[in-house]
């Protein structure tokens, strides 16, 4: 079982690596979301090499193969103190920073280069799917916390930070009234919430107007066809990619976190005051047009934040968004070859 050390306390992250390719290939580190671990990306593996991608699938803490969160970690996550909670997420992001630094030294991947014609080659992209952003984005938001050695090691490689189908709450935008989320449904026990969540989050939603910026144009009604991605899985496939006890232990606390904790992450990551760390690293958002309502509305909110910063001359990193028509939150599972091609062109 391949694991990487990420601190001096014995903490390790489990990962699956598709291996090196010829030439200046792109390495993409994929990090999963809530109650579903890295096995959800394994369908992509057969299509990676043909698209010039080296995929590294990493399991977060509290998921199979990686070190479980300690009682101290969980206490910090549940703390009434804002700074204590914020520090919890900074620590998770620093662990991923150390993973990246360890990995590029261990594997000697091609560095990130830009040719005279603007063609980008090589390097590494850190991609957080769905709620993974909450455990990753602090890496760019608090550069003063990143060890100098880690900064130096990653500088030749860090090509982009990718937010893949990130919901609004992960950016710290409050849940608007009248919109449902099963993990907030207090009529369900925690295990039942996780079960309902899987169908809800993997459904297809035909939103009337994805460009309006108006919440009233977002539907909460799933299409009958295609069926929710997780409803079409065989029992062994669903069990092989699920981790329901993480919802009980930690993820419910992550979901119900005070919005300013997450909003500070995206606000600082886009600000020019933090852009001196890995200045070539862009922030990209890949989003699927038939995902659940939180994805579109989250993208709209970050667009407004970015526009406001730009008007005030406070933008640091470039914010680039790319959408996929007809796709839902599980494009990587339903259409893995299509997803690999999208990554190769968009990243």
Protein backbone atom coordinates (compact mmCIF):
# COMPACT_ATOMS: atom_id res chain seq x y z
CA UNK A 1 0.00 0.00 0.00
CA UNK A 2 1.77 3.21 -1.16
CA UNK A 3 1.74 5.97 1.44
CA UNK A 4 3.53 9.30 1.68
CA UNK A 5 4.82 10.94 4.88
CA UNK A 6 3.42 14.44 5.39
CA UNK A 7 4.80 15.49 8.78
CA UNK A 8 7.22 14.43 11.51
CA UNK A 9 4.46 12.77 13.57
CA UNK A 10 4.04 9.70 11.38
CA UNK A 11 1.01 11.03 9.49
CA UNK A 12 0.65 9.41 6.08
CA UNK A 13 -1.58 9.81 3.04
CA UNK A 14 -2.47 6.83 0.89
CA UNK A 15 -2.26 7.30 -2.87
CA UNK A 16 -2.53 5.48 -6.19
CA UNK A 17 -0.19 6.55 -9.00
CA UNK A 18 -0.64 5.69 -12.68
CA UNK A 19 3.10 6.07 -13.22
CA UNK A 20 5.48 8.04 -15.45
CA UNK A 21 5.03 8.69 -19.17
CA UNK A 22 7.38 9.71 -21.95
CA UNK A 23 8.00 13.40 -22.53
CA UNK A 24 6.72 16.45 -20.68
CA UNK A 25 3.49 15.04 -19.29
CA UNK A 26 1.11 16.69 -16.84
CA UNK A 27 0.68 15.24 -13.34
CA UNK A 28 -2.73 15.72 -11.73
CA UNK A 29 -3.24 15.01 -8.03
CA UNK A 30 -6.92 14.14 -7.48
CA UNK A 31 -8.48 14.61 -4.04
CA UNK A 32 -11.98 13.30 -3.27
CA UNK A 33 -14.92 14.94 -1.51
CA UNK A 34 -17.38 13.96 1.24
CA UNK A 35 -18.15 10.34 2.23
CA UNK A 36 -16.61 9.06 -1.03
CA UNK A 37 -12.92 8.25 -1.31
CA UNK A 38 -10.34 8.08 -4.09
CA UNK A 39 -11.66 4.86 -5.62
CA UNK A 40 -14.28 7.05 -7.30
CA UNK A 41 -11.54 8.20 -9.71
CA UNK A 42 -10.20 4.74 -10.60
CA UNK A 43 -12.29 4.46 -13.78
CA UNK A 44 -10.11 7.23 -15.23
CA UNK A 45 -6.91 5.24 -14.95
CA UNK A 46 -7.14 3.36 -18.29
CA UNK A 47 -7.54 6.66 -20.17
CA UNK A 48 -4.86 8.74 -18.44
CA UNK A 49 -1.77 7.90 -20.50
CA UNK A 50 -3.50 8.37 -23.88
CA UNK A 51 -4.29 11.93 -22.80
CA UNK A 52 -0.81 12.74 -21.54
CA UNK A 53 -1.85 12.58 -17.90
CA UNK A 54 -0.20 11.02 -14.89
CA UNK A 55 -2.87 10.67 -12.24
CA UNK A 56 -2.18 10.52 -8.52
CA UNK A 57 -5.30 9.73 -6.47
CA UNK A 58 -4.95 10.63 -2.78
CA UNK A 59 -7.18 9.71 0.15
CA UNK A 60 -7.71 12.39 2.76
CA UNK A 61 -7.41 11.77 6.50
CA UNK A 62 -10.22 9.56 7.90
CA UNK A 63 -10.39 7.66 4.58
CA UNK A 64 -8.92 4.24 3.69
CA UNK A 65 -5.16 3.87 3.93
CA UNK A 66 -4.49 7.38 5.27
CA UNK A 67 -3.90 8.22 8.91
CA UNK A 68 -7.14 8.82 10.79
CA UNK A 69 -7.83 12.15 12.37
CA UNK A 70 -6.83 12.24 16.02
CA UNK A 71 -9.08 13.17 18.94
CA UNK A 72 -7.17 16.45 19.05
CA UNK A 73 -7.93 17.08 15.36
CA UNK A 74 -11.63 16.38 15.88
CA UNK A 75 -11.72 18.63 18.94
CA UNK A 76 -10.20 21.45 16.87
CA UNK A 77 -12.78 20.89 14.14
CA UNK A 78 -15.59 21.12 16.72
CA UNK A 79 -14.09 24.06 18.60
CA UNK A 80 -16.21 27.16 19.27
CA UNK A 81 -13.12 29.28 18.51
CA UNK A 82 -12.88 30.59 14.94
CA UNK A 83 -9.09 30.58 14.89
CA UNK A 84 -8.88 27.01 16.18
CA UNK A 85 -11.19 25.82 13.42
CA UNK A 86 -9.30 27.79 10.77
CA UNK A 87 -6.04 26.28 12.00
CA UNK A 88 -7.48 22.80 11.58
CA UNK A 89 -7.97 23.45 7.84
CA UNK A 90 -4.58 25.10 7.50
CA UNK A 91 -3.01 21.96 8.92
CA UNK A 92 -4.83 19.73 6.43
CA UNK A 93 -3.70 21.95 3.56
CA UNK A 94 -0.10 21.95 4.80
CA UNK A 95 -0.21 18.15 4.80
CA UNK A 96 -1.09 18.23 1.12
CA UNK A 97 1.68 20.75 0.50
CA UNK A 98 4.12 18.31 2.06
CA UNK A 99 2.65 15.48 -0.01
CA UNK A 100 3.26 17.45 -3.22
CA UNK A 101 6.81 18.35 -2.18
CA UNK A 102 7.60 14.75 -1.24
CA UNK A 103 6.08 13.47 -4.45
CA UNK A 104 7.89 15.73 -6.93
CA UNK A 105 11.22 14.92 -5.27
CA UNK A 106 10.48 11.21 -5.12
CA UNK A 107 9.17 10.86 -8.68
CA UNK A 108 11.17 13.59 -10.48
CA UNK A 109 8.27 14.55 -12.70
CA UNK A 110 8.74 17.05 -15.56
CA UNK A 111 8.77 20.66 -14.33
CA UNK A 112 6.22 23.21 -15.47
CA UNK A 113 7.37 25.11 -18.56
CA UNK A 114 5.78 27.59 -20.96
CA UNK A 115 7.11 27.67 -24.52
CA UNK A 116 7.51 30.84 -26.59
CA UNK A 117 4.22 30.07 -28.31
CA UNK A 118 2.45 29.89 -24.95
CA UNK A 119 2.16 26.11 -24.85
CA UNK A 120 2.20 24.80 -21.29
CA UNK A 121 3.91 21.50 -20.54
CA UNK A 122 4.70 19.39 -17.50
CA UNK A 123 4.22 20.41 -13.90
CA UNK A 124 1.67 19.38 -11.32
CA UNK A 125 -1.96 20.37 -10.69
CA UNK A 126 -3.66 19.92 -7.32
CA UNK A 127 -7.33 19.14 -8.03
CA UNK A 128 -9.91 19.13 -5.27
CA UNK A 129 -13.29 17.65 -6.15
CA UNK A 130 -16.36 18.99 -4.39
CA UNK A 131 -15.74 19.65 -0.67
CA UNK A 132 -12.03 18.76 -0.91
CA UNK A 133 -11.38 22.46 -1.50
CA UNK A 134 -11.91 23.10 2.22
CA UNK A 135 -8.85 20.97 3.04
CA UNK A 136 -6.64 22.33 0.25
CA UNK A 137 -7.19 26.01 -0.45
CA UNK A 138 -5.43 27.29 2.67
CA UNK A 139 -2.19 26.23 0.98
CA UNK A 140 -2.49 29.31 -1.26
CA UNK A 141 -4.33 31.49 1.24
CA UNK A 142 -1.68 31.53 3.99
CA UNK A 143 1.73 31.55 2.25
CA UNK A 144 3.49 32.54 5.47
CA UNK A 145 2.60 29.14 6.92
CA UNK A 146 4.21 27.13 4.12
CA UNK A 147 7.77 26.07 5.06
CA UNK A 148 10.45 27.73 2.96
CA UNK A 149 11.79 24.38 1.78
CA UNK A 150 8.33 23.37 0.54
CA UNK A 151 7.99 26.69 -1.26
CA UNK A 152 11.33 26.17 -3.02
CA UNK A 153 10.72 22.55 -3.92
CA UNK A 154 7.31 23.19 -5.50
CA UNK A 155 8.18 26.41 -7.34
CA UNK A 156 9.37 24.70 -10.57
CA UNK A 157 6.33 22.42 -10.67
CA UNK A 158 3.13 24.04 -9.35
CA UNK A 159 1.06 24.73 -12.45
CA UNK A 160 -2.47 25.19 -11.13
CA UNK A 161 -4.89 24.69 -8.28
CA UNK A 162 -8.13 23.25 -9.63
CA UNK A 163 -11.51 23.48 -7.94
CA UNK A 164 -13.59 20.78 -9.60
CA UNK A 165 -17.34 21.20 -9.08
CA UNK A 166 -16.96 22.92 -5.71
CA UNK A 167 -20.23 23.72 -3.86
CA UNK A 168 -20.94 27.18 -2.48
CA UNK A 169 -20.66 26.24 1.18
CA UNK A 170 -17.04 25.17 0.61
CA UNK A 171 -16.31 28.78 -0.34
CA UNK A 172 -18.05 30.10 2.74
CA UNK A 173 -21.19 31.43 1.07
CA UNK A 174 -24.20 30.87 3.36
CA UNK A 175 -26.94 28.41 2.46
CA UNK A 176 -29.87 30.42 1.05
CA UNK A 177 -33.34 29.72 2.46
CA UNK A 178 -35.47 27.15 0.70
CA UNK A 179 -32.60 25.07 -0.69
CA UNK A 180 -32.15 21.50 0.52
CA UNK A 181 -29.00 19.64 1.50
CA UNK A 182 -29.40 16.10 2.90
CA UNK A 183 -26.41 16.32 5.23
CA UNK A 184 -28.20 19.20 6.98
CA UNK A 185 -31.46 17.26 7.27
CA UNK A 186 -31.98 16.86 11.02
CA UNK A 187 -34.91 14.49 10.47
CA UNK A 188 -32.35 11.86 9.38
CA UNK A 189 -29.72 10.16 11.51
CA UNK A 190 -26.11 10.60 10.32
CA UNK A 191 -25.92 7.26 8.49
CA UNK A 192 -29.22 7.86 6.70
CA UNK A 193 -28.02 11.32 5.69
CA UNK A 194 -25.02 9.77 3.97
CA UNK A 195 -27.26 7.35 2.04
CA UNK A 196 -29.67 10.06 0.86
CA UNK A 197 -26.73 12.32 0.08
CA UNK A 198 -25.30 9.87 -2.46
CA UNK A 199 -28.36 9.97 -4.72
CA UNK A 200 -28.84 13.71 -4.26
CA UNK A 201 -25.24 14.69 -5.00
CA UNK A 202 -24.90 12.37 -8.01
CA UNK A 203 -28.14 13.35 -9.75
CA UNK A 204 -28.56 15.22 -13.02
CA UNK A 205 -30.28 18.62 -12.83
CA UNK A 206 -31.45 20.59 -15.88
CA UNK A 207 -31.13 24.20 -14.66
CA UNK A 208 -33.14 26.67 -16.80
CA UNK A 209 -30.43 29.36 -16.88
CA UNK A 210 -26.90 28.66 -15.67
CA UNK A 211 -25.63 32.14 -16.56
CA UNK A 212 -28.28 34.28 -14.84
CA UNK A 213 -26.69 34.51 -11.41
CA UNK A 214 -30.24 34.23 -10.06
CA UNK A 215 -30.92 31.43 -7.58
CA UNK A 216 -34.51 31.26 -8.80
CA UNK A 217 -33.26 29.78 -12.08
CA UNK A 218 -31.72 26.75 -10.36
CA UNK A 219 -33.77 23.60 -10.03
CA UNK A 220 -33.72 21.16 -7.13
CA UNK A 221 -35.62 18.49 -9.08
CA UNK A 222 -33.50 15.64 -10.43
CA UNK A 223 -34.02 14.37 -13.95
CA UNK A 224 -35.55 10.91 -14.19
CA UNK A 225 -32.94 10.08 -16.81
CA UNK A 226 -30.04 9.81 -16.59
CA UNK A 227 -30.39 8.28 -13.16
CA UNK A 228 -28.15 9.47 -10.31
CA UNK A 229 -24.65 8.13 -10.87
CA UNK A 230 -24.41 6.37 -7.53
CA UNK A 231 -27.82 4.74 -8.05
CA UNK A 232 -26.47 3.02 -11.17
CA UNK A 233 -23.44 1.56 -9.40
CA UNK A 234 -23.25 -2.09 -8.52
CA UNK A 235 -23.36 -2.64 -4.73
CA UNK A 236 -19.69 -3.60 -4.67
CA UNK A 237 -18.75 -0.46 -6.64
CA UNK A 238 -20.67 1.79 -4.27
CA UNK A 239 -19.27 0.08 -1.19
CA UNK A 240 -15.80 0.18 -2.71
CA UNK A 241 -15.87 3.96 -3.05
CA UNK A 242 -17.87 4.96 0.04
CA UNK A 243 -16.79 5.84 3.56
CA UNK A 244 -19.97 6.60 5.50
CA UNK A 245 -18.33 6.63 8.92
CA UNK A 246 -16.32 9.69 7.87
CA UNK A 247 -19.64 11.56 7.73
CA UNK A 248 -20.32 10.61 11.34
CA UNK A 249 -16.79 11.32 12.61
CA UNK A 250 -15.82 14.51 10.83
CA UNK A 251 -17.60 15.49 7.64
CA UNK A 252 -20.81 16.74 9.26
CA UNK A 253 -18.67 19.16 11.26
CA UNK A 254 -16.93 20.24 8.06
CA UNK A 255 -20.27 20.89 6.36
CA UNK A 256 -21.70 22.91 9.25
CA UNK A 257 -18.59 25.05 9.74
CA UNK A 258 -18.98 28.80 10.21
CA UNK A 259 -18.95 30.30 6.66
CA UNK A 260 -16.24 32.91 7.38
CA UNK A 261 -13.74 30.08 7.95
CA UNK A 262 -14.05 29.03 4.30
CA UNK A 263 -14.69 32.46 2.84
CA UNK A 264 -11.34 33.64 4.17
CA UNK A 265 -9.66 30.86 2.19
CA UNK A 266 -10.98 31.89 -1.24
CA UNK A 267 -10.74 35.61 -0.45
CA UNK A 268 -7.07 35.37 0.50
CA UNK A 269 -6.17 32.88 -2.25
CA UNK A 270 -7.38 35.33 -4.92
CA UNK A 271 -5.83 38.40 -3.28
CA UNK A 272 -2.63 39.96 -4.56
CA UNK A 273 -1.20 39.91 -1.03
CA UNK A 274 -0.72 36.13 -1.29
CA UNK A 275 0.21 35.79 -4.98
CA UNK A 276 3.96 35.92 -4.35
CA UNK A 277 3.83 32.25 -3.36
CA UNK A 278 4.12 30.13 -6.53
CA UNK A 279 3.15 33.12 -8.74
CA UNK A 280 2.76 30.96 -11.88
CA UNK A 281 0.07 28.87 -10.18
CA UNK A 282 -3.37 29.76 -11.53
CA UNK A 283 -6.70 28.95 -9.88
CA UNK A 284 -9.07 27.14 -12.21
CA UNK A 285 -12.63 26.02 -11.63
CA UNK A 286 -14.03 23.17 -13.70
CA UNK A 287 -17.79 22.89 -13.25
CA UNK A 288 -20.49 20.66 -14.66
CA UNK A 289 -23.66 22.27 -15.96
CA UNK A 290 -26.06 19.58 -14.67
CA UNK A 291 -24.62 19.31 -11.16
CA UNK A 292 -26.69 20.11 -8.06
CA UNK A 293 -27.61 23.72 -7.34
CA UNK A 294 -24.73 24.50 -5.00
CA UNK A 295 -22.10 24.21 -7.73
CA UNK A 296 -23.54 26.85 -10.06
CA UNK A 297 -24.38 29.25 -7.27
CA UNK A 298 -20.91 28.82 -5.77
CA UNK A 299 -19.30 29.63 -9.10
CA UNK A 300 -21.47 32.75 -9.41
CA UNK A 301 -20.42 33.94 -5.95
CA UNK A 302 -16.70 33.51 -6.63
CA UNK A 303 -17.12 35.30 -9.96
CA UNK A 304 -18.56 38.27 -8.07
CA UNK A 305 -15.76 38.16 -5.50
CA UNK A 306 -13.13 38.06 -8.24
CA UNK A 307 -14.79 40.93 -10.15
CA UNK A 308 -14.88 43.07 -6.99
CA UNK A 309 -11.20 42.40 -6.29
CA UNK A 310 -10.31 43.20 -9.89
CA UNK A 311 -12.20 46.50 -9.76
CA UNK A 312 -10.29 47.41 -6.59
CA UNK A 313 -6.92 46.36 -8.04
CA UNK A 314 -6.55 43.55 -5.48
CA UNK A 315 -6.49 40.50 -7.76
CA UNK A 316 -3.41 38.33 -7.45
CA UNK A 317 -3.94 35.01 -9.21
CA UNK A 318 -5.80 34.42 -12.40
CA UNK A 319 -9.27 32.85 -11.89
CA UNK A 320 -10.32 30.75 -14.87
CA UNK A 321 -13.62 28.87 -15.13
CA UNK A 322 -14.51 26.16 -17.65
CA UNK A 323 -17.89 24.42 -17.82
CA UNK A 324 -19.01 21.07 -19.25
CA UNK A 325 -22.49 20.86 -20.81
CA UNK A 326 -24.61 17.81 -19.99
CA UNK A 327 -22.28 16.66 -17.22
CA UNK A 328 -23.08 16.14 -13.55
CA UNK A 329 -21.01 16.00 -10.37
CA UNK A 330 -19.76 12.51 -11.25
CA UNK A 331 -18.45 13.08 -14.76
CA UNK A 332 -15.22 11.26 -13.82
CA UNK A 333 -17.27 8.13 -13.01
CA UNK A 334 -19.96 8.26 -15.70
CA UNK A 335 -17.64 9.33 -18.55
CA UNK A 336 -14.03 8.79 -17.44
CA UNK A 337 -12.50 9.03 -20.92
CA UNK A 338 -14.34 12.28 -21.60
CA UNK A 339 -13.19 13.62 -18.24
CA UNK A 340 -9.54 12.78 -18.95
CA UNK A 341 -9.75 14.58 -22.29
CA UNK A 342 -11.31 17.59 -20.52
CA UNK A 343 -8.52 17.71 -17.96
CA UNK A 344 -5.88 17.49 -20.68
CA UNK A 345 -7.39 20.46 -22.54
CA UNK A 346 -8.53 22.62 -19.61
CA UNK A 347 -5.58 22.31 -17.21
